[in-house]
Amino acid sequence: MPSTTDPSRINLYINEVAPRDGFQNEAKFIDTDDKIALIDRLSNCGFAKIEVTSFTSPRAIPALRDAEAVMHRIRRHPDVLYTVLVPNARGAERALACQIDEANLVMSLSKSHNRANLRMGREQSFQQLQEVVAVLKRTPVLINVSLSTTFGCPMLGDIADDEIWRWMDRFAAIGVHGFTLCDTTGMAFPSQVQRICEGARTRFGEQQLTLHFHNTRGMALANTLAAINAGVVRFDAALGGLGGCPYAPGASGNVCTEDMIHMLDLMGYRTGIDLTAVLQAACLLPAMIGHEVPGQVLKAGRRLDLHPQPEQLQSA
């Protein structure tokens, strides 16, 4: 098991989600050319996957109204899978016209959160996503389902494990290729994460499993290690720690990519990520979005980025 295995023998796969999950939460519209330039930078950092944009209606998410332009103009790296959020059959048709590698479908396990976030009940969401799957299955595009509030809902509290498995069963039955279990509102804690990840891997070993943590209560990195201990090797992260959820008061955003990679590198895990290149990309964010970002390593430097000694010590 990963908890007893040399970390240097474990390959981890990191998915960068800031261009979609981060930028859609920004009040300022980020210039299309800037988005493309950033994604092109990220494509050369060693990520397994980049979530580029969303094919939701531009009226619903105006920050990503340039989805087609971005997808058509990015320079694609052969080792990177380019994924997009697809909400409905119309969005699927738009996305397919852009030669996507994967479609990411989203539904909340919480009745209240799903209605607040998607303006419909869970059964209606499932039927809509079933239509999307039917469209996509006529193509080679991969299909991933992100299950929001897997680790808790701020309106209803905990989600029963059996409820998680019930919805995963339903999506597995219609042929999705992977699941992302999302800590949408930052309610996860390590022992809970390990239990749910072990259960998901046991029941759904044929589907690719990804974990998506938020740092709302400061536990995202601890939860990442708990998931690794349960055998998970794929994780979402957002450059600078961008993102968040409007239904999680005080949310600070997704787990920060550079903070996660810094920790994993120090522990000896193999991520394939060039941390220097990631930090160089993260340095561009404050000017691009108009405010500082939550990431800590960008502010404090890496652990062994040493500083000159004070003058009084040098002369002592």
C-alpha atoms as a PDB file:
ATOM      1  CA  MET A   1       0.000   0.000   0.000  1.00  0.00           C
ATOM      2  CA  PRO A   2       1.181   3.586  -0.601  1.00  0.00           C
ATOM      3  CA  SER A   3       1.366   4.238   3.147  1.00  0.00           C
ATOM      4  CA  THR A   4       4.188   1.717   3.486  1.00  0.00           C
ATOM      5  CA  THR A   5       5.806   2.086   0.049  1.00  0.00           C
ATOM      6  CA  ASP A   6       8.800   4.261  -0.768  1.00  0.00           C
ATOM      7  CA  PRO A   7       7.269   7.537  -2.101  1.00  0.00           C
ATOM      8  CA  SER A   8       9.900   7.673  -4.849  1.00  0.00           C
ATOM      9  CA  ARG A   9       8.242   4.606  -6.391  1.00  0.00           C
ATOM     10  CA  ILE A  10       4.805   6.249  -6.600  1.00  0.00           C
ATOM     11  CA  ASN A  11       3.855   8.263  -9.682  1.00  0.00           C
ATOM     12  CA  LEU A  12       1.292  10.971  -8.980  1.00  0.00           C
ATOM     13  CA  TYR A  13      -0.692  12.727 -11.709  1.00  0.00           C
ATOM     14  CA  ILE A  14      -1.666  16.354 -11.207  1.00  0.00           C
ATOM     15  CA  ASN A  15      -4.481  18.088 -13.085  1.00  0.00           C
ATOM     16  CA  GLU A  16      -4.349  21.885 -13.342  1.00  0.00           C
ATOM     17  CA  VAL A  17      -7.840  23.400 -13.073  1.00  0.00           C
ATOM     18  CA  ALA A  18      -7.222  27.142 -12.641  1.00  0.00           C
ATOM     19  CA  PRO A  19      -8.077  28.120 -16.249  1.00  0.00           C
ATOM     20  CA  ARG A  20     -11.634  26.861 -15.701  1.00  0.00           C
ATOM     21  CA  ASP A  21     -12.377  26.382 -12.012  1.00  0.00           C
ATOM     22  CA  GLY A  22     -10.276  29.365 -10.992  1.00  0.00           C
ATOM     23  CA  PHE A  23     -11.032  31.896 -13.707  1.00  0.00           C
ATOM     24  CA  GLN A  24     -14.798  31.310 -13.664  1.00  0.00           C
ATOM     25  CA  ASN A  25     -14.874  32.750 -10.132  1.00  0.00           C
ATOM     26  CA  GLU A  26     -13.039  35.952 -11.020  1.00  0.00           C
ATOM     27  CA  ALA A  27     -15.039  39.181 -11.283  1.00  0.00           C
ATOM     28  CA  LYS A  28     -12.617  40.572 -13.863  1.00  0.00           C
ATOM     29  CA  PHE A  29     -12.784  39.127 -17.368  1.00  0.00           C
ATOM     30  CA  ILE A  30      -9.353  37.767 -18.209  1.00  0.00           C
ATOM     31  CA  ASP A  31      -8.243  38.603 -21.714  1.00  0.00           C
ATOM     32  CA  THR A  32      -8.430  35.677 -24.138  1.00  0.00           C
ATOM     33  CA  ASP A  33      -4.806  36.116 -25.209  1.00  0.00           C
ATOM     34  CA  ASP A  34      -3.707  36.039 -21.558  1.00  0.00           C
ATOM     35  CA  LYS A  35      -5.658  32.839 -20.940  1.00  0.00           C
ATOM     36  CA  ILE A  36      -4.091  31.179 -23.955  1.00  0.00           C
ATOM     37  CA  ALA A  37      -0.567  32.295 -23.018  1.00  0.00           C
ATOM     38  CA  LEU A  38      -1.007  30.936 -19.478  1.00  0.00           C
ATOM     39  CA  ILE A  39      -2.382  27.597 -20.657  1.00  0.00           C
ATOM     40  CA  ASP A  40       0.518  27.289 -23.111  1.00  0.00           C
ATOM     41  CA  ARG A  41       2.916  27.845 -20.194  1.00  0.00           C
ATOM     42  CA  LEU A  42       1.112  25.270 -18.073  1.00  0.00           C
ATOM     43  CA  SER A  43       1.242  22.763 -20.932  1.00  0.00           C
ATOM     44  CA  ASN A  44       5.021  22.691 -20.562  1.00  0.00           C
ATOM     45  CA  CYS A  45       5.058  22.200 -16.782  1.00  0.00           C
ATOM     46  CA  GLY A  46       4.417  18.441 -16.703  1.00  0.00           C
ATOM     47  CA  PHE A  47       0.705  18.284 -15.838  1.00  0.00           C
ATOM     48  CA  ALA A  48      -1.229  15.164 -16.737  1.00  0.00           C
ATOM     49  CA  LYS A  49      -4.346  17.164 -17.526  1.00  0.00           C
ATOM     50  CA  ILE A  50      -5.419  20.798 -17.869  1.00  0.00           C
ATOM     51  CA  GLU A  51      -9.036  21.867 -17.447  1.00  0.00           C
ATOM     52  CA  VAL A  52      -9.142  24.600 -20.059  1.00  0.00           C
ATOM     53  CA  THR A  53     -12.629  26.113 -19.963  1.00  0.00           C
ATOM     54  CA  SER A  54     -16.360  25.523 -19.687  1.00  0.00           C
ATOM     55  CA  PHE A  55     -18.968  25.147 -22.416  1.00  0.00           C
ATOM     56  CA  THR A  56     -21.687  26.462 -20.149  1.00  0.00           C
ATOM     57  CA  SER A  57     -23.839  29.246 -21.579  1.00  0.00           C
ATOM     58  CA  PRO A  58     -21.870  32.527 -21.748  1.00  0.00           C
ATOM     59  CA  ARG A  59     -24.804  34.158 -19.960  1.00  0.00           C
ATOM     60  CA  ALA A  60     -24.296  31.828 -16.997  1.00  0.00           C
ATOM     61  CA  ILE A  61     -20.499  32.141 -16.848  1.00  0.00           C
ATOM     62  CA  PRO A  62     -19.460  35.283 -18.755  1.00  0.00           C
ATOM     63  CA  ALA A  63     -15.867  34.889 -17.526  1.00  0.00           C
ATOM     64  CA  LEU A  64     -15.507  31.909 -19.897  1.00  0.00           C
ATOM     65  CA  ARG A  65     -17.479  33.243 -22.845  1.00  0.00           C
ATOM     66  CA  ASP A  66     -14.404  32.775 -25.053  1.00  0.00           C
ATOM     67  CA  ALA A  67     -14.349  28.968 -24.704  1.00  0.00           C
ATOM     68  CA  GLU A  68     -14.153  28.199 -28.438  1.00  0.00           C
ATOM     69  CA  ALA A  69     -11.456  30.777 -29.098  1.00  0.00           C
ATOM     70  CA  VAL A  70      -9.306  29.472 -26.261  1.00  0.00           C
ATOM     71  CA  MET A  71      -9.674  25.815 -27.246  1.00  0.00           C
ATOM     72  CA  HIS A  72      -8.901  26.481 -30.901  1.00  0.00           C
ATOM     73  CA  ARG A  73      -5.799  28.597 -30.237  1.00  0.00           C
ATOM     74  CA  ILE A  74      -3.911  26.831 -27.426  1.00  0.00           C
ATOM     75  CA  ARG A  75      -0.770  24.907 -28.382  1.00  0.00           C
ATOM     76  CA  ARG A  76      -1.403  21.318 -27.347  1.00  0.00           C
ATOM     77  CA  HIS A  77       1.329  19.254 -25.735  1.00  0.00           C
ATOM     78  CA  PRO A  78       1.162  15.577 -26.749  1.00  0.00           C
ATOM     79  CA  ASP A  79       1.508  14.393 -23.148  1.00  0.00           C
ATOM     80  CA  VAL A  80      -1.296  16.582 -21.759  1.00  0.00           C
ATOM     81  CA  LEU A  81      -4.994  15.690 -21.764  1.00  0.00           C
ATOM     82  CA  TYR A  82      -7.164  18.774 -22.355  1.00  0.00           C
ATOM     83  CA  THR A  83     -10.506  18.611 -20.565  1.00  0.00           C
ATOM     84  CA  VAL A  84     -13.474  20.991 -20.393  1.00  0.00           C
ATOM     85  CA  LEU A  85     -16.648  21.270 -18.340  1.00  0.00           C
ATOM     86  CA  VAL A  86     -19.747  20.207 -20.287  1.00  0.00           C
ATOM     87  CA  PRO A  87     -23.159  20.898 -18.682  1.00  0.00           C
ATOM     88  CA  ASN A  88     -25.625  19.641 -21.310  1.00  0.00           C
ATOM     89  CA  ALA A  89     -25.988  18.175 -24.805  1.00  0.00           C
ATOM     90  CA  ARG A  90     -25.667  21.602 -26.457  1.00  0.00           C
ATOM     91  CA  GLY A  91     -22.432  22.195 -24.557  1.00  0.00           C
ATOM     92  CA  ALA A  92     -21.211  18.763 -25.624  1.00  0.00           C
ATOM     93  CA  GLU A  93     -21.731  19.583 -29.300  1.00  0.00           C
ATOM     94  CA  ARG A  94     -19.832  22.872 -28.895  1.00  0.00           C
ATOM     95  CA  ALA A  95     -17.005  21.108 -27.057  1.00  0.00           C
ATOM     96  CA  LEU A  96     -16.724  18.308 -29.620  1.00  0.00           C
ATOM     97  CA  ALA A  97     -16.275  20.907 -32.361  1.00  0.00           C
ATOM     98  CA  CYS A  98     -13.137  21.994 -30.494  1.00  0.00           C
ATOM     99  CA  GLN A  99     -11.512  18.533 -30.449  1.00  0.00           C
ATOM    100  CA  ILE A 100     -11.521  18.087 -26.686  1.00  0.00           C
ATOM    101  CA  ASP A 101      -9.811  15.075 -25.116  1.00  0.00           C
ATOM    102  CA  GLU A 102     -12.192  14.740 -22.169  1.00  0.00           C
ATOM    103  CA  ALA A 103     -15.531  16.107 -21.008  1.00  0.00           C
ATOM    104  CA  ASN A 104     -16.019  16.808 -17.308  1.00  0.00           C
ATOM    105  CA  LEU A 105     -19.640  16.519 -16.136  1.00  0.00           C
ATOM    106  CA  VAL A 106     -20.706  17.944 -12.771  1.00  0.00           C
ATOM    107  CA  MET A 107     -23.451  17.024 -10.320  1.00  0.00           C
ATOM    108  CA  SER A 108     -23.750  17.539  -6.582  1.00  0.00           C
ATOM    109  CA  LEU A 109     -24.430  14.675  -4.202  1.00  0.00           C
ATOM    110  CA  SER A 110     -26.269  17.144  -1.962  1.00  0.00           C
ATOM    111  CA  LYS A 111     -29.894  17.853  -2.929  1.00  0.00           C
ATOM    112  CA  SER A 112     -29.664  21.399  -1.597  1.00  0.00           C
ATOM    113  CA  HIS A 113     -26.300  22.214  -3.146  1.00  0.00           C
ATOM    114  CA  ASN A 114     -27.300  20.797  -6.519  1.00  0.00           C
ATOM    115  CA  ARG A 115     -30.423  22.934  -6.582  1.00  0.00           C
ATOM    116  CA  ALA A 116     -28.536  26.037  -5.413  1.00  0.00           C
ATOM    117  CA  ASN A 117     -25.642  25.532  -7.826  1.00  0.00           C
ATOM    118  CA  LEU A 118     -27.346  24.009 -10.890  1.00  0.00           C
ATOM    119  CA  ARG A 119     -30.947  25.187 -10.380  1.00  0.00           C
ATOM    120  CA  MET A 120     -32.390  21.668 -10.624  1.00  0.00           C
ATOM    121  CA  GLY A 121     -32.873  18.505  -8.644  1.00  0.00           C
ATOM    122  CA  ARG A 122     -30.391  15.646  -8.737  1.00  0.00           C
ATOM    123  CA  GLU A 123     -32.645  13.399 -10.820  1.00  0.00           C
ATOM    124  CA  GLN A 124     -33.037  16.138 -13.424  1.00  0.00           C
ATOM    125  CA  SER A 125     -29.262  16.641 -13.403  1.00  0.00           C
ATOM    126  CA  PHE A 126     -28.698  12.933 -13.943  1.00  0.00           C
ATOM    127  CA  GLN A 127     -31.118  12.810 -16.866  1.00  0.00           C
ATOM    128  CA  GLN A 128     -29.420  15.830 -18.456  1.00  0.00           C
ATOM    129  CA  LEU A 129     -25.967  14.326 -18.008  1.00  0.00           C
ATOM    130  CA  GLN A 130     -27.213  10.989 -19.336  1.00  0.00           C
ATOM    131  CA  GLU A 131     -28.017  12.842 -22.576  1.00  0.00           C
ATOM    132  CA  VAL A 132     -24.497  14.265 -22.607  1.00  0.00           C
ATOM    133  CA  VAL A 133     -22.999  10.807 -22.145  1.00  0.00           C
ATOM    134  CA  ALA A 134     -25.088   9.496 -25.047  1.00  0.00           C
ATOM    135  CA  VAL A 135     -23.690  12.224 -27.314  1.00  0.00           C
ATOM    136  CA  LEU A 136     -20.103  11.707 -26.176  1.00  0.00           C
ATOM    137  CA  LYS A 137     -20.145   7.910 -26.399  1.00  0.00           C
ATOM    138  CA  ARG A 138     -20.381   8.224 -30.180  1.00  0.00           C
ATOM    139  CA  THR A 139     -16.866   9.690 -30.079  1.00  0.00           C
ATOM    140  CA  PRO A 140     -13.476   8.717 -28.580  1.00  0.00           C
ATOM    141  CA  VAL A 141     -13.722  11.531 -26.011  1.00  0.00           C
ATOM    142  CA  LEU A 142     -13.254  10.425 -22.391  1.00  0.00           C
ATOM    143  CA  ILE A 143     -16.048  11.120 -19.898  1.00  0.00           C
ATOM    144  CA  ASN A 144     -15.383  12.122 -16.281  1.00  0.00           C
ATOM    145  CA  VAL A 145     -18.037  12.899 -13.671  1.00  0.00           C
ATOM    146  CA  SER A 146     -17.206  15.304 -10.850  1.00  0.00           C
ATOM    147  CA  LEU A 147     -19.379  14.677  -7.799  1.00  0.00           C
ATOM    148  CA  SER A 148     -19.601  17.878  -5.777  1.00  0.00           C
ATOM    149  CA  THR A 149     -19.968  17.943  -1.961  1.00  0.00           C
ATOM    150  CA  THR A 150     -18.837  14.317  -1.635  1.00  0.00           C
ATOM    151  CA  PHE A 151     -17.313  15.140   1.753  1.00  0.00           C
ATOM    152  CA  GLY A 152     -20.073  17.345   3.116  1.00  0.00           C
ATOM    153  CA  CYS A 153     -22.661  20.002   2.321  1.00  0.00           C
ATOM    154  CA  PRO A 154     -22.797  23.335   4.203  1.00  0.00           C
ATOM    155  CA  MET A 155     -26.599  23.145   4.171  1.00  0.00           C
ATOM    156  CA  LEU A 156     -27.225  19.441   4.887  1.00  0.00           C
ATOM    157  CA  GLY A 157     -24.049  18.244   6.605  1.00  0.00           C
ATOM    158  CA  ASP A 158     -22.468  14.866   5.852  1.00  0.00           C
ATOM    159  CA  ILE A 159     -23.302  12.786   2.788  1.00  0.00           C
ATOM    160  CA  ALA A 160     -23.861   9.118   3.655  1.00  0.00           C
ATOM    161  CA  ASP A 161     -21.319   6.744   2.111  1.00  0.00           C
ATOM    162  CA  ASP A 162     -24.145   4.657   0.635  1.00  0.00           C
ATOM    163  CA  GLU A 163     -25.413   7.758  -1.166  1.00  0.00           C
ATOM    164  CA  ILE A 164     -21.972   8.286  -2.708  1.00  0.00           C
ATOM    165  CA  TRP A 165     -21.848   4.695  -3.935  1.00  0.00           C
ATOM    166  CA  ARG A 166     -25.438   4.852  -5.245  1.00  0.00           C
ATOM    167  CA  TRP A 167     -24.722   7.772  -7.551  1.00  0.00           C
ATOM    168  CA  MET A 168     -21.355   6.415  -8.626  1.00  0.00           C
ATOM    169  CA  ASP A 169     -23.099   3.138  -9.493  1.00  0.00           C
ATOM    170  CA  ARG A 170     -25.614   4.970 -11.670  1.00  0.00           C
ATOM    171  CA  PHE A 171     -22.936   6.841 -13.604  1.00  0.00           C
ATOM    172  CA  ALA A 172     -20.741   3.753 -13.944  1.00  0.00           C
ATOM    173  CA  ALA A 173     -23.707   1.902 -15.427  1.00  0.00           C
ATOM    174  CA  ILE A 174     -24.017   4.412 -18.279  1.00  0.00           C
ATOM    175  CA  GLY A 175     -20.350   4.103 -19.165  1.00  0.00           C
ATOM    176  CA  VAL A 176     -18.360   7.005 -17.711  1.00  0.00           C
ATOM    177  CA  HIS A 177     -14.590   6.539 -17.647  1.00  0.00           C
ATOM    178  CA  GLY A 178     -13.712   8.323 -14.417  1.00  0.00           C
ATOM    179  CA  PHE A 179     -14.891  10.026 -11.244  1.00  0.00           C
ATOM    180  CA  THR A 180     -13.640  13.085  -9.409  1.00  0.00           C
ATOM    181  CA  LEU A 181     -14.690  13.198  -5.762  1.00  0.00           C
ATOM    182  CA  CYS A 182     -14.913  16.875  -4.845  1.00  0.00           C
ATOM    183  CA  ASP A 183     -14.544  18.563  -1.475  1.00  0.00           C
ATOM    184  CA  THR A 184     -16.446  21.494  -2.928  1.00  0.00           C
ATOM    185  CA  THR A 185     -16.879  23.449   0.294  1.00  0.00           C
ATOM    186  CA  GLY A 186     -13.755  22.397   2.173  1.00  0.00           C
ATOM    187  CA  MET A 187     -15.459  20.136   4.722  1.00  0.00           C
ATOM    188  CA  ALA A 188     -13.260  17.050   4.260  1.00  0.00           C
ATOM    189  CA  PHE A 189     -10.913  15.778   6.964  1.00  0.00           C
ATOM    190  CA  PRO A 190      -8.144  13.160   6.617  1.00  0.00           C
ATOM    191  CA  SER A 191      -9.674  10.061   8.242  1.00  0.00           C
ATOM    192  CA  GLN A 192     -12.923  10.629   6.343  1.00  0.00           C
ATOM    193  CA  VAL A 193     -10.988  11.088   3.093  1.00  0.00           C
ATOM    194  CA  GLN A 194      -9.066   7.863   3.587  1.00  0.00           C
ATOM    195  CA  ARG A 195     -12.226   5.878   4.331  1.00  0.00           C
ATOM    196  CA  ILE A 196     -14.141   7.180   1.325  1.00  0.00           C
ATOM    197  CA  CYS A 197     -11.183   6.819  -1.041  1.00  0.00           C
ATOM    198  CA  GLU A 198     -10.615   3.221   0.039  1.00  0.00           C
ATOM    199  CA  GLY A 199     -14.313   2.485  -0.490  1.00  0.00           C
ATOM    200  CA  ALA A 200     -14.356   4.124  -3.924  1.00  0.00           C
ATOM    201  CA  ARG A 201     -11.246   2.269  -5.088  1.00  0.00           C
ATOM    202  CA  THR A 202     -12.683  -1.051  -3.907  1.00  0.00           C
ATOM    203  CA  ARG A 203     -16.038  -0.534  -5.620  1.00  0.00           C
ATOM    204  CA  PHE A 204     -15.034   1.348  -8.760  1.00  0.00           C
ATOM    205  CA  GLY A 205     -11.597   0.059  -9.659  1.00  0.00           C
ATOM    206  CA  GLU A 206     -12.406   0.107 -13.383  1.00  0.00           C
ATOM    207  CA  GLN A 207     -12.913   3.880 -13.369  1.00  0.00           C
ATOM    208  CA  GLN A 208     -10.112   6.400 -12.994  1.00  0.00           C
ATOM    209  CA  LEU A 209     -10.373   8.134  -9.606  1.00  0.00           C
ATOM    210  CA  THR A 210      -9.352  11.750  -8.994  1.00  0.00           C
ATOM    211  CA  LEU A 211      -9.602  13.825  -5.801  1.00  0.00           C
ATOM    212  CA  HIS A 212     -10.456  17.521  -5.776  1.00  0.00           C
ATOM    213  CA  PHE A 213      -9.803  19.363  -2.516  1.00  0.00           C
ATOM    214  CA  HIS A 214     -10.522  22.913  -1.393  1.00  0.00           C
ATOM    215  CA  ASN A 215      -8.500  24.637   1.303  1.00  0.00           C
ATOM    216  CA  THR A 216     -11.439  26.412   2.949  1.00  0.00           C
ATOM    217  CA  ARG A 217     -10.460  25.155   6.417  1.00  0.00           C
ATOM    218  CA  GLY A 218      -6.760  24.658   5.814  1.00  0.00           C
ATOM    219  CA  MET A 219      -6.853  20.866   5.428  1.00  0.00           C
ATOM    220  CA  ALA A 220      -6.324  20.399   1.695  1.00  0.00           C
ATOM    221  CA  LEU A 221      -2.710  19.210   1.902  1.00  0.00           C
ATOM    222  CA  ALA A 222      -3.434  16.892   4.831  1.00  0.00           C
ATOM    223  CA  ASN A 223      -6.370  15.476   2.874  1.00  0.00           C
ATOM    224  CA  THR A 224      -4.112  14.955  -0.133  1.00  0.00           C
ATOM    225  CA  LEU A 225      -1.779  12.781   1.950  1.00  0.00           C
ATOM    226  CA  ALA A 226      -4.740  10.822   3.331  1.00  0.00           C
ATOM    227  CA  ALA A 227      -5.923  10.109  -0.216  1.00  0.00           C
ATOM    228  CA  ILE A 228      -2.429   8.984  -1.242  1.00  0.00           C
ATOM    229  CA  ASN A 229      -2.409   6.625   1.763  1.00  0.00           C
ATOM    230  CA  ALA A 230      -5.654   5.170   0.380  1.00  0.00           C
ATOM    231  CA  GLY A 231      -4.008   4.523  -2.993  1.00  0.00           C
ATOM    232  CA  VAL A 232      -5.205   7.559  -4.953  1.00  0.00           C
ATOM    233  CA  VAL A 233      -2.674   8.904  -7.473  1.00  0.00           C
ATOM    234  CA  ARG A 234      -4.638  11.620  -9.334  1.00  0.00           C
ATOM    235  CA  PHE A 235      -5.388  15.071  -7.962  1.00  0.00           C
ATOM    236  CA  ASP A 236      -6.826  18.380  -9.144  1.00  0.00           C
ATOM    237  CA  ALA A 237      -5.097  21.586  -8.080  1.00  0.00           C
ATOM    238  CA  ALA A 238      -5.355  25.253  -9.050  1.00  0.00           C
ATOM    239  CA  LEU A 239      -2.480  27.619  -9.722  1.00  0.00           C
ATOM    240  CA  GLY A 240      -2.222  30.187  -6.937  1.00  0.00           C
ATOM    241  CA  GLY A 241      -5.057  28.472  -5.052  1.00  0.00           C
ATOM    242  CA  LEU A 242      -7.673  30.167  -7.236  1.00  0.00           C
ATOM    243  CA  GLY A 243     -11.322  29.171  -7.202  1.00  0.00           C
ATOM    244  CA  GLY A 244     -13.859  28.542  -4.504  1.00  0.00           C
ATOM    245  CA  CYS A 245     -17.559  27.989  -4.089  1.00  0.00           C
ATOM    246  CA  PRO A 246     -20.183  30.731  -3.584  1.00  0.00           C
ATOM    247  CA  TYR A 247     -22.018  28.391  -1.186  1.00  0.00           C
ATOM    248  CA  ALA A 248     -19.024  28.002   1.157  1.00  0.00           C
ATOM    249  CA  PRO A 249     -18.717  31.216   3.189  1.00  0.00           C
ATOM    250  CA  GLY A 250     -15.093  32.280   3.565  1.00  0.00           C
ATOM    251  CA  ALA A 251     -13.863  29.777   0.981  1.00  0.00           C
ATOM    252  CA  SER A 252     -10.239  30.396   0.065  1.00  0.00           C
ATOM    253  CA  GLY A 253     -10.227  28.357  -3.111  1.00  0.00           C
ATOM    254  CA  ASN A 254      -8.890  25.105  -4.474  1.00  0.00           C
ATOM    255  CA  VAL A 255      -5.780  23.438  -3.129  1.00  0.00           C
ATOM    256  CA  CYS A 256      -2.860  25.480  -4.452  1.00  0.00           C
ATOM    257  CA  THR A 257      -0.869  23.743  -7.188  1.00  0.00           C
ATOM    258  CA  GLU A 258       2.534  25.084  -6.243  1.00  0.00           C
ATOM    259  CA  ASP A 259       1.977  24.399  -2.522  1.00  0.00           C
ATOM    260  CA  MET A 260       0.920  20.823  -3.285  1.00  0.00           C
ATOM    261  CA  ILE A 261       3.850  20.148  -5.615  1.00  0.00           C
ATOM    262  CA  HIS A 262       6.307  21.706  -3.147  1.00  0.00           C
ATOM    263  CA  MET A 263       5.086  19.332  -0.407  1.00  0.00           C
ATOM    264  CA  LEU A 264       5.042  16.236  -2.620  1.00  0.00           C
ATOM    265  CA  ASP A 265       8.507  16.969  -4.008  1.00  0.00           C
ATOM    266  CA  LEU A 266       9.939  17.341  -0.500  1.00  0.00           C
ATOM    267  CA  MET A 267       8.427  13.978   0.463  1.00  0.00           C
ATOM    268  CA  GLY A 268       9.954  12.263  -2.551  1.00  0.00           C
ATOM    269  CA  TYR A 269       6.835  11.547  -4.625  1.00  0.00           C
ATOM    270  CA  ARG A 270       7.207  11.565  -8.404  1.00  0.00           C
ATOM    271  CA  THR A 271       4.902  14.175  -9.920  1.00  0.00           C
ATOM    272  CA  GLY A 272       6.730  14.981 -13.149  1.00  0.00           C
ATOM    273  CA  ILE A 273       6.009  18.670 -12.482  1.00  0.00           C
ATOM    274  CA  ASP A 274       8.602  21.411 -12.957  1.00  0.00           C
ATOM    275  CA  LEU A 275       7.971  23.453  -9.794  1.00  0.00           C
ATOM    276  CA  THR A 276      10.160  26.342 -10.974  1.00  0.00           C
ATOM    277  CA  ALA A 277       8.074  26.676 -14.144  1.00  0.00           C
ATOM    278  CA  VAL A 278       4.850  26.457 -12.114  1.00  0.00           C
ATOM    279  CA  LEU A 279       6.010  29.248  -9.786  1.00  0.00           C
ATOM    280  CA  GLN A 280       6.943  31.390 -12.774  1.00  0.00           C
ATOM    281  CA  ALA A 281       3.410  30.918 -14.108  1.00  0.00           C
ATOM    282  CA  ALA A 282       1.872  31.660 -10.701  1.00  0.00           C
ATOM    283  CA  CYS A 283       3.820  34.946 -10.547  1.00  0.00           C
ATOM    284  CA  LEU A 284       1.730  36.175 -13.480  1.00  0.00           C
ATOM    285  CA  LEU A 285      -1.616  35.705 -11.745  1.00  0.00           C
ATOM    286  CA  PRO A 286      -1.891  38.805  -9.497  1.00  0.00           C
ATOM    287  CA  ALA A 287      -1.479  41.195 -12.439  1.00  0.00           C
ATOM    288  CA  MET A 288      -3.762  39.066 -14.600  1.00  0.00           C
ATOM    289  CA  ILE A 289      -6.673  38.851 -12.139  1.00  0.00           C
ATOM    290  CA  GLY A 290      -6.141  42.099 -10.258  1.00  0.00           C
ATOM    291  CA  HIS A 291      -5.537  40.773  -6.736  1.00  0.00           C
ATOM    292  CA  GLU A 292      -3.188  38.613  -4.677  1.00  0.00           C
ATOM    293  CA  VAL A 293      -3.579  34.847  -4.605  1.00  0.00           C
ATOM    294  CA  PRO A 294      -3.800  32.523  -1.559  1.00  0.00           C
ATOM    295  CA  GLY A 295      -0.761  30.364  -2.418  1.00  0.00           C
ATOM    296  CA  GLN A 296       1.904  30.274   0.314  1.00  0.00           C
ATOM    297  CA  VAL A 297       5.037  29.098  -1.496  1.00  0.00           C
ATOM    298  CA  LEU A 298       4.712  31.964  -3.967  1.00  0.00           C
ATOM    299  CA  LYS A 299       4.910  34.379  -1.007  1.00  0.00           C
ATOM    300  CA  ALA A 300       7.411  32.624   1.263  1.00  0.00           C
ATOM    301  CA  GLY A 301       9.585  30.807  -1.267  1.00  0.00           C
ATOM    302  CA  ARG A 302      10.529  27.157  -1.285  1.00  0.00           C
ATOM    303  CA  ARG A 303      11.826  25.542   1.886  1.00  0.00           C
ATOM    304  CA  LEU A 304      15.485  25.898   0.861  1.00  0.00           C
ATOM    305  CA  ASP A 305      15.247  29.264  -0.859  1.00  0.00           C
ATOM    306  CA  LEU A 306      17.719  30.702   1.656  1.00  0.00           C
ATOM    307  CA  HIS A 307      18.201  34.344   2.579  1.00  0.00           C
ATOM    308  CA  PRO A 308      21.353  36.348   3.397  1.00  0.00           C
ATOM    309  CA  GLN A 309      22.306  36.497   7.054  1.00  0.00           C
ATOM    310  CA  PRO A 310      21.778  39.845   8.815  1.00  0.00           C
ATOM    311  CA  GLU A 311      24.883  42.056   8.727  1.00  0.00           C
ATOM    312  CA  GLN A 312      25.477  41.783  12.474  1.00  0.00           C
ATOM    313  CA  LEU A 313      25.764  38.016  12.174  1.00  0.00           C
ATOM    314  CA  GLN A 314      28.151  38.209   9.213  1.00  0.00           C
ATOM    315  CA  SER A 315      30.580  40.375  11.215  1.00  0.00           C
ATOM    316  CA  ALA A 316      30.343  38.336  14.409  1.00  0.00           C
END
